[in-house]
Amino acid sequence: MRKISSKGQVWIETMIYILIGLSLLGTVLVFVRPKIQEYQDNIVLEQTLEALNQLDEKVQAVYYGGQGNTRTVDFQIKRGRIDINAQDDKIIYTLENSRLKKSEPGRDIKFGEIVLRTEEKSDKRYDISLILNYSGKFNLLHSDSETPKTLVAAPSPYKLKLAYQTDDSNNAEVNIEVTS
């Protein structure tokens, strides 16, 4: 009988154990990763909800402060985008293609002045929107009020300069100037 080299046998056993370990790790990640992404999306939404509440407080402070009142707000976007829609007087945060089902699709949920809406996409993916609606209260303006101003995720916060003014008809307007 031939004697098998013990060094070769140890090497083969080690490789088999490594492959089994990697297979198990891969299998666990397949099931755990979607839950991790849902948790991350939930954290982003909670932080954005808080940031939008603070932005709303500043907008209200500028509005109730009267003519010439200004404030500057730092606004960080980690994921998603914000559309400042001057024609509809809305500020809309959208997190697209999320695995998180934050609410029943198509139903609105109010969090103070903010409305949360979940829209279902294909393959258990959702678009989640947080909407601040100033329609009927006052007009929102920005540099090009004809098209929505879009702010996307960036490593540094945006600086939003809020200023109260009135138009020729004495209607209240809050101008939002975006600088980075």
N, C-alpha and C. Protein backbone atom coordinates (compact mmCIF):
# COMPACT_ATOMS: atom_id res chain seq x y z
N MET A 1 0.81 -1.18 0.00
CA MET A 1 0.00 0.00 0.00
C MET A 1 0.86 1.25 0.00
N ARG A 2 0.40 2.24 -0.76
CA ARG A 2 1.14 3.51 -0.81
C ARG A 2 0.68 4.44 0.29
N LYS A 3 1.59 5.17 0.82
CA LYS A 3 1.28 6.12 1.88
C LYS A 3 1.01 7.49 1.24
N ILE A 4 -0.15 8.13 1.55
CA ILE A 4 -0.49 9.44 1.01
C ILE A 4 0.21 10.49 1.86
N SER A 5 0.74 11.49 1.17
CA SER A 5 1.42 12.57 1.85
C SER A 5 0.44 13.33 2.74
N SER A 6 0.80 13.50 4.00
CA SER A 6 -0.10 14.17 4.93
C SER A 6 -0.22 15.67 4.60
N LYS A 7 0.82 16.26 4.00
CA LYS A 7 0.76 17.68 3.63
C LYS A 7 -0.29 17.90 2.55
N GLY A 8 -0.34 17.04 1.57
CA GLY A 8 -1.33 17.15 0.50
C GLY A 8 -2.74 16.97 1.00
N GLN A 9 -2.91 16.03 1.91
CA GLN A 9 -4.23 15.77 2.46
C GLN A 9 -4.73 16.96 3.27
N VAL A 10 -3.87 17.59 4.05
CA VAL A 10 -4.23 18.77 4.84
C VAL A 10 -4.63 19.91 3.90
N TRP A 11 -3.89 20.09 2.83
CA TRP A 11 -4.18 21.15 1.86
C TRP A 11 -5.56 20.94 1.22
N ILE A 12 -5.87 19.76 0.82
CA ILE A 12 -7.16 19.45 0.19
C ILE A 12 -8.29 19.64 1.20
N GLU A 13 -8.12 19.19 2.43
CA GLU A 13 -9.16 19.37 3.45
C GLU A 13 -9.38 20.85 3.75
N THR A 14 -8.31 21.60 3.81
CA THR A 14 -8.43 23.04 4.06
C THR A 14 -9.22 23.71 2.95
N MET A 15 -8.95 23.40 1.70
CA MET A 15 -9.67 23.98 0.57
C MET A 15 -11.15 23.59 0.61
N ILE A 16 -11.43 22.36 0.95
CA ILE A 16 -12.83 21.92 1.03
C ILE A 16 -13.57 22.69 2.13
N TYR A 17 -12.93 22.87 3.30
CA TYR A 17 -13.56 23.62 4.38
C TYR A 17 -13.78 25.09 3.99
N ILE A 18 -12.83 25.68 3.30
CA ILE A 18 -12.97 27.07 2.84
C ILE A 18 -14.14 27.18 1.86
N LEU A 19 -14.25 26.26 0.93
CA LEU A 19 -15.34 26.29 -0.04
C LEU A 19 -16.70 26.09 0.63
N ILE A 20 -16.77 25.19 1.61
CA ILE A 20 -18.02 25.00 2.34
C ILE A 20 -18.38 26.27 3.10
N GLY A 21 -17.41 26.87 3.74
CA GLY A 21 -17.65 28.12 4.49
C GLY A 21 -18.13 29.25 3.58
N LEU A 22 -17.50 29.41 2.43
CA LEU A 22 -17.92 30.45 1.48
C LEU A 22 -19.32 30.18 0.95
N SER A 23 -19.65 28.92 0.71
CA SER A 23 -21.00 28.57 0.24
C SER A 23 -22.04 28.93 1.28
N LEU A 24 -21.76 28.62 2.55
CA LEU A 24 -22.70 28.95 3.61
C LEU A 24 -22.84 30.47 3.77
N LEU A 25 -21.74 31.18 3.70
CA LEU A 25 -21.76 32.64 3.80
C LEU A 25 -22.57 33.24 2.65
N GLY A 26 -22.37 32.75 1.44
CA GLY A 26 -23.13 33.22 0.28
C GLY A 26 -24.62 32.97 0.43
N THR A 27 -24.97 31.80 0.93
CA THR A 27 -26.39 31.45 1.13
C THR A 27 -27.02 32.37 2.17
N VAL A 28 -26.33 32.63 3.25
CA VAL A 28 -26.85 33.51 4.30
C VAL A 28 -27.04 34.93 3.73
N LEU A 29 -26.08 35.41 2.95
CA LEU A 29 -26.18 36.76 2.39
C LEU A 29 -27.36 36.90 1.43
N VAL A 30 -27.67 35.84 0.69
CA VAL A 30 -28.81 35.90 -0.23
C VAL A 30 -30.09 36.18 0.53
N PHE A 31 -30.25 35.63 1.71
CA PHE A 31 -31.47 35.81 2.48
C PHE A 31 -31.43 37.04 3.38
N VAL A 32 -30.26 37.42 3.86
CA VAL A 32 -30.15 38.52 4.80
C VAL A 32 -30.03 39.88 4.11
N ARG A 33 -29.41 39.94 2.96
CA ARG A 33 -29.15 41.21 2.27
C ARG A 33 -30.42 42.02 2.01
N PRO A 34 -31.52 41.42 1.53
CA PRO A 34 -32.73 42.23 1.33
C PRO A 34 -33.24 42.87 2.62
N LYS A 35 -33.14 42.17 3.73
CA LYS A 35 -33.56 42.74 5.01
C LYS A 35 -32.65 43.89 5.44
N ILE A 36 -31.37 43.75 5.17
CA ILE A 36 -30.42 44.83 5.48
C ILE A 36 -30.76 46.06 4.65
N GLN A 37 -31.07 45.87 3.36
CA GLN A 37 -31.43 46.99 2.50
C GLN A 37 -32.73 47.66 2.97
N GLU A 38 -33.70 46.87 3.39
CA GLU A 38 -34.94 47.44 3.92
C GLU A 38 -34.65 48.29 5.16
N TYR A 39 -33.81 47.76 6.04
CA TYR A 39 -33.45 48.48 7.26
C TYR A 39 -32.73 49.80 6.91
N GLN A 40 -31.81 49.76 5.95
CA GLN A 40 -31.10 50.97 5.53
C GLN A 40 -32.06 51.99 4.93
N ASP A 41 -32.99 51.52 4.09
CA ASP A 41 -33.98 52.43 3.49
C ASP A 41 -34.86 53.05 4.56
N ASN A 42 -35.23 52.28 5.57
CA ASN A 42 -36.05 52.80 6.66
C ASN A 42 -35.31 53.89 7.42
N ILE A 43 -34.03 53.68 7.66
CA ILE A 43 -33.22 54.68 8.35
C ILE A 43 -33.13 55.96 7.52
N VAL A 44 -32.90 55.82 6.21
CA VAL A 44 -32.82 56.99 5.33
C VAL A 44 -34.15 57.75 5.34
N LEU A 45 -35.26 57.03 5.28
CA LEU A 45 -36.58 57.68 5.30
C LEU A 45 -36.84 58.40 6.62
N GLU A 46 -36.47 57.78 7.73
CA GLU A 46 -36.67 58.42 9.02
C GLU A 46 -35.83 59.70 9.13
N GLN A 47 -34.58 59.65 8.67
CA GLN A 47 -33.71 60.83 8.71
C GLN A 47 -34.24 61.92 7.79
N THR A 48 -34.73 61.53 6.61
CA THR A 48 -35.26 62.51 5.66
C THR A 48 -36.55 63.11 6.18
N LEU A 49 -37.39 62.32 6.82
CA LEU A 49 -38.61 62.84 7.42
C LEU A 49 -38.28 63.90 8.46
N GLU A 50 -37.29 63.62 9.29
CA GLU A 50 -36.86 64.59 10.30
C GLU A 50 -36.30 65.86 9.64
N ALA A 51 -35.49 65.69 8.59
CA ALA A 51 -34.91 66.83 7.88
C ALA A 51 -36.01 67.67 7.21
N LEU A 52 -37.02 67.01 6.62
CA LEU A 52 -38.12 67.74 6.00
C LEU A 52 -38.95 68.48 7.05
N ASN A 53 -39.11 67.90 8.22
CA ASN A 53 -39.80 68.60 9.31
C ASN A 53 -39.05 69.86 9.71
N GLN A 54 -37.72 69.77 9.80
CA GLN A 54 -36.91 70.94 10.13
C GLN A 54 -36.98 71.99 9.02
N LEU A 55 -36.96 71.53 7.75
CA LEU A 55 -37.10 72.45 6.62
C LEU A 55 -38.45 73.15 6.68
N ASP A 56 -39.51 72.40 6.97
CA ASP A 56 -40.84 72.99 7.07
C ASP A 56 -40.90 74.03 8.19
N GLU A 57 -40.25 73.74 9.32
CA GLU A 57 -40.21 74.72 10.41
C GLU A 57 -39.54 76.01 9.96
N LYS A 58 -38.45 75.88 9.21
CA LYS A 58 -37.74 77.07 8.71
C LYS A 58 -38.59 77.84 7.69
N VAL A 59 -39.24 77.10 6.79
CA VAL A 59 -40.11 77.76 5.80
C VAL A 59 -41.23 78.50 6.51
N GLN A 60 -41.85 77.87 7.51
CA GLN A 60 -42.92 78.52 8.26
C GLN A 60 -42.39 79.75 9.01
N ALA A 61 -41.18 79.64 9.58
CA ALA A 61 -40.59 80.77 10.30
C ALA A 61 -40.33 81.94 9.35
N VAL A 62 -39.86 81.65 8.15
CA VAL A 62 -39.63 82.71 7.16
C VAL A 62 -40.97 83.34 6.77
N TYR A 63 -41.96 82.51 6.54
CA TYR A 63 -43.27 83.01 6.12
C TYR A 63 -43.90 83.90 7.19
N TYR A 64 -43.91 83.41 8.42
CA TYR A 64 -44.54 84.18 9.49
C TYR A 64 -43.66 85.31 9.99
N GLY A 65 -42.39 85.33 9.60
CA GLY A 65 -41.49 86.41 9.99
C GLY A 65 -41.73 87.69 9.23
N GLY A 66 -42.40 87.60 8.09
CA GLY A 66 -42.75 88.81 7.34
C GLY A 66 -41.78 89.15 6.23
N GLN A 67 -42.10 90.24 5.57
CA GLN A 67 -41.34 90.72 4.40
C GLN A 67 -39.86 90.88 4.73
N GLY A 68 -39.01 90.34 3.86
CA GLY A 68 -37.57 90.48 4.00
C GLY A 68 -36.92 89.44 4.90
N ASN A 69 -37.69 88.59 5.52
CA ASN A 69 -37.15 87.57 6.42
C ASN A 69 -36.43 86.49 5.61
N THR A 70 -35.25 86.09 6.04
CA THR A 70 -34.48 85.04 5.35
C THR A 70 -33.93 84.05 6.36
N ARG A 71 -33.69 82.84 5.89
CA ARG A 71 -33.05 81.79 6.69
C ARG A 71 -32.21 80.95 5.74
N THR A 72 -31.19 80.33 6.27
CA THR A 72 -30.38 79.39 5.50
C THR A 72 -30.47 78.03 6.18
N VAL A 73 -30.67 77.00 5.36
CA VAL A 73 -30.83 75.64 5.88
C VAL A 73 -29.83 74.74 5.16
N ASP A 74 -29.10 73.93 5.93
CA ASP A 74 -28.26 72.89 5.34
C ASP A 74 -29.12 71.65 5.19
N PHE A 75 -29.12 71.06 3.99
CA PHE A 75 -29.96 69.90 3.73
C PHE A 75 -29.14 68.80 3.08
N GLN A 76 -28.98 67.68 3.78
CA GLN A 76 -28.18 66.55 3.31
C GLN A 76 -29.10 65.51 2.66
N ILE A 77 -28.72 65.04 1.48
CA ILE A 77 -29.46 63.97 0.82
C ILE A 77 -28.49 62.81 0.64
N LYS A 78 -28.77 61.69 1.33
CA LYS A 78 -27.89 60.53 1.24
C LYS A 78 -28.31 59.59 0.12
N ARG A 79 -29.62 59.42 -0.06
CA ARG A 79 -30.16 58.60 -1.14
C ARG A 79 -31.44 59.25 -1.62
N GLY A 80 -31.80 59.00 -2.86
CA GLY A 80 -33.04 59.54 -3.39
C GLY A 80 -32.82 60.91 -4.01
N ARG A 81 -33.93 61.64 -4.17
CA ARG A 81 -33.86 62.98 -4.74
C ARG A 81 -34.98 63.84 -4.18
N ILE A 82 -34.79 65.16 -4.27
CA ILE A 82 -35.81 66.12 -3.86
C ILE A 82 -36.15 66.98 -5.07
N ASP A 83 -37.44 67.12 -5.32
CA ASP A 83 -37.92 68.01 -6.36
C ASP A 83 -38.64 69.16 -5.70
N ILE A 84 -38.19 70.38 -6.01
CA ILE A 84 -38.88 71.58 -5.54
C ILE A 84 -39.74 72.04 -6.71
N ASN A 85 -41.03 71.76 -6.60
CA ASN A 85 -41.97 72.02 -7.68
C ASN A 85 -42.69 73.34 -7.41
N ALA A 86 -42.24 74.41 -8.06
CA ALA A 86 -42.81 75.74 -7.82
C ALA A 86 -44.20 75.88 -8.43
N GLN A 87 -44.49 75.15 -9.49
CA GLN A 87 -45.81 75.27 -10.12
C GLN A 87 -46.91 74.69 -9.23
N ASP A 88 -46.63 73.59 -8.54
CA ASP A 88 -47.61 72.97 -7.63
C ASP A 88 -47.39 73.35 -6.18
N ASP A 89 -46.35 74.14 -5.90
CA ASP A 89 -46.00 74.56 -4.54
C ASP A 89 -45.77 73.37 -3.62
N LYS A 90 -44.95 72.41 -4.10
CA LYS A 90 -44.66 71.20 -3.33
C LYS A 90 -43.16 70.95 -3.29
N ILE A 91 -42.72 70.35 -2.19
CA ILE A 91 -41.37 69.82 -2.07
C ILE A 91 -41.55 68.32 -1.90
N ILE A 92 -40.97 67.55 -2.82
CA ILE A 92 -41.19 66.10 -2.85
C ILE A 92 -39.86 65.36 -2.78
N TYR A 93 -39.71 64.54 -1.76
CA TYR A 93 -38.57 63.63 -1.65
C TYR A 93 -39.01 62.28 -2.18
N THR A 94 -38.18 61.66 -3.04
CA THR A 94 -38.52 60.35 -3.60
C THR A 94 -37.35 59.39 -3.42
N LEU A 95 -37.65 58.23 -2.85
CA LEU A 95 -36.71 57.12 -2.75
C LEU A 95 -37.22 56.05 -3.71
N GLU A 96 -36.48 55.85 -4.79
CA GLU A 96 -36.94 54.94 -5.84
C GLU A 96 -36.38 53.54 -5.66
N ASN A 97 -37.14 52.58 -6.15
CA ASN A 97 -36.69 51.19 -6.27
C ASN A 97 -36.26 50.59 -4.93
N SER A 98 -37.04 50.84 -3.90
CA SER A 98 -36.73 50.34 -2.57
C SER A 98 -37.44 49.01 -2.33
N ARG A 99 -36.85 48.17 -1.50
CA ARG A 99 -37.50 46.93 -1.08
C ARG A 99 -38.47 47.17 0.08
N LEU A 100 -38.37 48.33 0.69
CA LEU A 100 -39.18 48.66 1.86
C LEU A 100 -40.60 49.03 1.45
N LYS A 101 -41.56 48.38 2.05
CA LYS A 101 -42.97 48.72 1.86
C LYS A 101 -43.38 49.52 3.09
N LYS A 102 -43.20 50.85 3.01
CA LYS A 102 -43.40 51.72 4.17
C LYS A 102 -44.87 51.88 4.53
N SER A 103 -45.73 51.82 3.53
CA SER A 103 -47.17 51.92 3.77
C SER A 103 -47.90 51.12 2.70
N GLU A 104 -49.19 51.05 2.83
CA GLU A 104 -50.00 50.37 1.82
C GLU A 104 -49.88 51.15 0.50
N PRO A 105 -49.52 50.49 -0.59
CA PRO A 105 -49.36 51.20 -1.87
C PRO A 105 -50.62 51.98 -2.27
N GLY A 106 -50.39 53.22 -2.69
CA GLY A 106 -51.49 54.07 -3.16
C GLY A 106 -52.22 54.84 -2.07
N ARG A 107 -51.91 54.58 -0.80
CA ARG A 107 -52.57 55.28 0.31
C ARG A 107 -51.63 56.30 0.91
N ASP A 108 -52.18 57.45 1.26
CA ASP A 108 -51.40 58.52 1.86
C ASP A 108 -51.47 58.43 3.38
N ILE A 109 -50.33 58.67 4.03
CA ILE A 109 -50.25 58.72 5.49
C ILE A 109 -49.66 60.08 5.85
N LYS A 110 -50.31 60.78 6.78
CA LYS A 110 -49.83 62.10 7.19
C LYS A 110 -48.95 62.00 8.42
N PHE A 111 -47.82 62.68 8.36
CA PHE A 111 -46.92 62.87 9.49
C PHE A 111 -46.81 64.37 9.69
N GLY A 112 -47.73 64.96 10.40
CA GLY A 112 -47.76 66.42 10.53
C GLY A 112 -48.10 67.04 9.18
N GLU A 113 -47.21 67.87 8.68
CA GLU A 113 -47.42 68.52 7.38
C GLU A 113 -46.95 67.66 6.21
N ILE A 114 -46.28 66.56 6.52
CA ILE A 114 -45.68 65.71 5.47
C ILE A 114 -46.59 64.53 5.18
N VAL A 115 -46.76 64.25 3.89
CA VAL A 115 -47.56 63.11 3.45
C VAL A 115 -46.62 62.05 2.89
N LEU A 116 -46.77 60.82 3.37
CA LEU A 116 -45.97 59.69 2.88
C LEU A 116 -46.84 58.88 1.92
N ARG A 117 -46.28 58.58 0.76
CA ARG A 117 -47.00 57.79 -0.24
C ARG A 117 -46.06 56.71 -0.77
N THR A 118 -46.56 55.47 -0.83
CA THR A 118 -45.81 54.35 -1.39
C THR A 118 -46.49 53.91 -2.67
N GLU A 119 -45.71 53.80 -3.74
CA GLU A 119 -46.21 53.32 -5.03
C GLU A 119 -45.52 52.01 -5.36
N GLU A 120 -46.30 51.01 -5.72
CA GLU A 120 -45.75 49.69 -6.01
C GLU A 120 -45.20 49.64 -7.43
N LYS A 121 -44.01 49.05 -7.55
CA LYS A 121 -43.42 48.78 -8.85
C LYS A 121 -43.40 47.27 -9.02
N SER A 122 -42.70 46.80 -10.00
CA SER A 122 -42.64 45.36 -10.22
C SER A 122 -41.62 44.70 -9.29
N ASP A 123 -41.75 43.39 -9.11
CA ASP A 123 -40.78 42.57 -8.38
C ASP A 123 -40.56 43.03 -6.94
N LYS A 124 -41.66 43.32 -6.24
CA LYS A 124 -41.60 43.72 -4.83
C LYS A 124 -40.68 44.91 -4.59
N ARG A 125 -40.72 45.86 -5.48
CA ARG A 125 -39.98 47.12 -5.34
C ARG A 125 -40.99 48.26 -5.23
N TYR A 126 -40.60 49.31 -4.52
CA TYR A 126 -41.51 50.41 -4.26
C TYR A 126 -40.81 51.75 -4.44
N ASP A 127 -41.58 52.76 -4.86
CA ASP A 127 -41.14 54.15 -4.85
C ASP A 127 -41.85 54.80 -3.67
N ILE A 128 -41.09 55.43 -2.79
CA ILE A 128 -41.65 56.05 -1.59
C ILE A 128 -41.44 57.56 -1.70
N SER A 129 -42.51 58.33 -1.49
CA SER A 129 -42.44 59.78 -1.58
C SER A 129 -42.84 60.41 -0.25
N LEU A 130 -42.13 61.46 0.12
CA LEU A 130 -42.48 62.32 1.25
C LEU A 130 -42.80 63.68 0.65
N ILE A 131 -44.02 64.19 0.88
CA ILE A 131 -44.49 65.38 0.18
C ILE A 131 -44.85 66.48 1.19
N LEU A 132 -44.24 67.65 0.97
CA LEU A 132 -44.61 68.87 1.71
C LEU A 132 -45.42 69.72 0.74
N ASN A 133 -46.69 69.95 1.03
CA ASN A 133 -47.57 70.67 0.12
C ASN A 133 -47.91 72.05 0.69
N TYR A 134 -47.46 73.11 -0.02
CA TYR A 134 -47.75 74.48 0.40
C TYR A 134 -48.82 75.12 -0.47
N SER A 135 -49.45 74.33 -1.32
CA SER A 135 -50.50 74.85 -2.20
C SER A 135 -51.64 75.41 -1.35
N GLY A 136 -52.06 76.61 -1.68
CA GLY A 136 -53.14 77.26 -0.93
C GLY A 136 -52.64 78.07 0.25
N LYS A 137 -51.38 77.87 0.65
CA LYS A 137 -50.81 78.62 1.77
C LYS A 137 -49.99 79.80 1.24
N PHE A 138 -49.01 79.47 0.41
CA PHE A 138 -48.19 80.49 -0.23
C PHE A 138 -47.49 79.86 -1.43
N ASN A 139 -46.86 80.68 -2.23
CA ASN A 139 -46.19 80.20 -3.44
C ASN A 139 -44.73 79.91 -3.15
N LEU A 140 -44.23 78.81 -3.72
CA LEU A 140 -42.81 78.51 -3.69
C LEU A 140 -42.18 79.01 -4.99
N LEU A 141 -41.02 79.56 -4.89
CA LEU A 141 -40.28 80.02 -6.06
C LEU A 141 -38.88 79.47 -6.01
N HIS A 142 -38.24 79.34 -7.16
CA HIS A 142 -36.81 79.10 -7.25
C HIS A 142 -36.35 79.71 -8.56
N SER A 143 -35.09 79.56 -8.90
CA SER A 143 -34.51 80.27 -10.04
C SER A 143 -35.26 80.06 -11.35
N ASP A 144 -35.70 78.83 -11.64
CA ASP A 144 -36.48 78.55 -12.84
C ASP A 144 -37.78 77.88 -12.41
N SER A 145 -38.77 78.70 -12.09
CA SER A 145 -40.00 78.17 -11.51
C SER A 145 -40.86 77.38 -12.49
N GLU A 146 -40.49 77.39 -13.77
CA GLU A 146 -41.25 76.64 -14.77
C GLU A 146 -41.02 75.14 -14.66
N THR A 147 -39.81 74.73 -14.27
CA THR A 147 -39.49 73.31 -14.14
C THR A 147 -39.09 73.03 -12.70
N PRO A 148 -39.37 71.83 -12.22
CA PRO A 148 -38.97 71.50 -10.84
C PRO A 148 -37.45 71.54 -10.68
N LYS A 149 -37.00 72.04 -9.57
CA LYS A 149 -35.59 72.03 -9.22
C LYS A 149 -35.31 70.70 -8.54
N THR A 150 -34.37 69.93 -9.07
CA THR A 150 -34.08 68.60 -8.53
C THR A 150 -32.75 68.60 -7.80
N LEU A 151 -32.76 68.10 -6.58
CA LEU A 151 -31.56 67.92 -5.78
C LEU A 151 -31.34 66.42 -5.62
N VAL A 152 -30.16 65.95 -5.95
CA VAL A 152 -29.87 64.51 -5.88
C VAL A 152 -28.88 64.24 -4.74
N ALA A 153 -28.69 62.97 -4.44
CA ALA A 153 -27.77 62.58 -3.37
C ALA A 153 -26.39 63.15 -3.64
N ALA A 154 -25.78 63.70 -2.60
CA ALA A 154 -24.47 64.32 -2.72
C ALA A 154 -23.70 64.13 -1.42
N PRO A 155 -22.36 64.11 -1.49
CA PRO A 155 -21.58 63.91 -0.27
C PRO A 155 -21.63 65.09 0.69
N SER A 156 -21.84 66.30 0.17
CA SER A 156 -21.91 67.46 1.05
C SER A 156 -23.34 68.02 1.03
N PRO A 157 -23.75 68.66 2.11
CA PRO A 157 -25.13 69.16 2.17
C PRO A 157 -25.36 70.34 1.23
N TYR A 158 -26.59 70.45 0.77
CA TYR A 158 -27.01 71.62 0.00
C TYR A 158 -27.31 72.74 0.97
N LYS A 159 -27.08 73.96 0.53
CA LYS A 159 -27.48 75.13 1.32
C LYS A 159 -28.70 75.72 0.64
N LEU A 160 -29.79 75.78 1.40
CA LEU A 160 -31.02 76.35 0.89
C LEU A 160 -31.24 77.70 1.56
N LYS A 161 -31.32 78.75 0.76
CA LYS A 161 -31.59 80.08 1.30
C LYS A 161 -33.07 80.36 1.08
N LEU A 162 -33.79 80.54 2.17
CA LEU A 162 -35.22 80.80 2.13
C LEU A 162 -35.46 82.29 2.35
N ALA A 163 -36.27 82.90 1.50
CA ALA A 163 -36.55 84.33 1.64
C ALA A 163 -38.04 84.59 1.41
N TYR A 164 -38.63 85.42 2.29
CA TYR A 164 -40.03 85.79 2.15
C TYR A 164 -40.11 87.04 1.28
N GLN A 165 -41.08 87.03 0.38
CA GLN A 165 -41.33 88.20 -0.44
C GLN A 165 -42.80 88.19 -0.84
N THR A 166 -43.26 89.30 -1.41
CA THR A 166 -44.61 89.36 -1.94
C THR A 166 -44.53 89.73 -3.41
N ASP A 167 -45.52 89.27 -4.17
CA ASP A 167 -45.55 89.61 -5.59
C ASP A 167 -46.37 90.89 -5.79
N ASP A 168 -46.62 91.25 -7.06
CA ASP A 168 -47.34 92.49 -7.37
C ASP A 168 -48.76 92.50 -6.80
N SER A 169 -49.38 91.33 -6.67
CA SER A 169 -50.74 91.23 -6.13
C SER A 169 -50.75 91.10 -4.62
N ASN A 170 -49.59 91.25 -4.00
CA ASN A 170 -49.44 91.13 -2.55
C ASN A 170 -49.66 89.70 -2.05
N ASN A 171 -49.43 88.70 -2.93
CA ASN A 171 -49.50 87.30 -2.53
C ASN A 171 -48.18 86.90 -1.88
N ALA A 172 -48.25 86.09 -0.84
CA ALA A 172 -47.05 85.66 -0.13
C ALA A 172 -46.29 84.62 -0.94
N GLU A 173 -44.97 84.80 -0.98
CA GLU A 173 -44.10 83.85 -1.72
C GLU A 173 -42.86 83.55 -0.87
N VAL A 174 -42.42 82.30 -0.91
CA VAL A 174 -41.16 81.94 -0.28
C VAL A 174 -40.23 81.49 -1.41
N ASN A 175 -39.15 82.22 -1.57
CA ASN A 175 -38.17 81.90 -2.61
C ASN A 175 -37.11 80.98 -2.01
N ILE A 176 -36.84 79.88 -2.72
CA ILE A 176 -35.82 78.92 -2.27
C ILE A 176 -34.66 78.97 -3.26
N GLU A 177 -33.54 79.46 -2.78
CA GLU A 177 -32.33 79.51 -3.60
C GLU A 177 -31.41 78.40 -3.15
N VAL A 178 -30.94 77.59 -4.10
CA VAL A 178 -30.11 76.44 -3.77
C VAL A 178 -28.66 76.74 -4.14
N THR A 179 -27.78 76.56 -3.16
CA THR A 179 -26.34 76.63 -3.42
C THR A 179 -25.71 75.39 -2.83
N SER A 180 -24.57 74.99 -3.34
CA SER A 180 -23.96 73.79 -2.76
C SER A 180 -22.81 74.13 -1.87
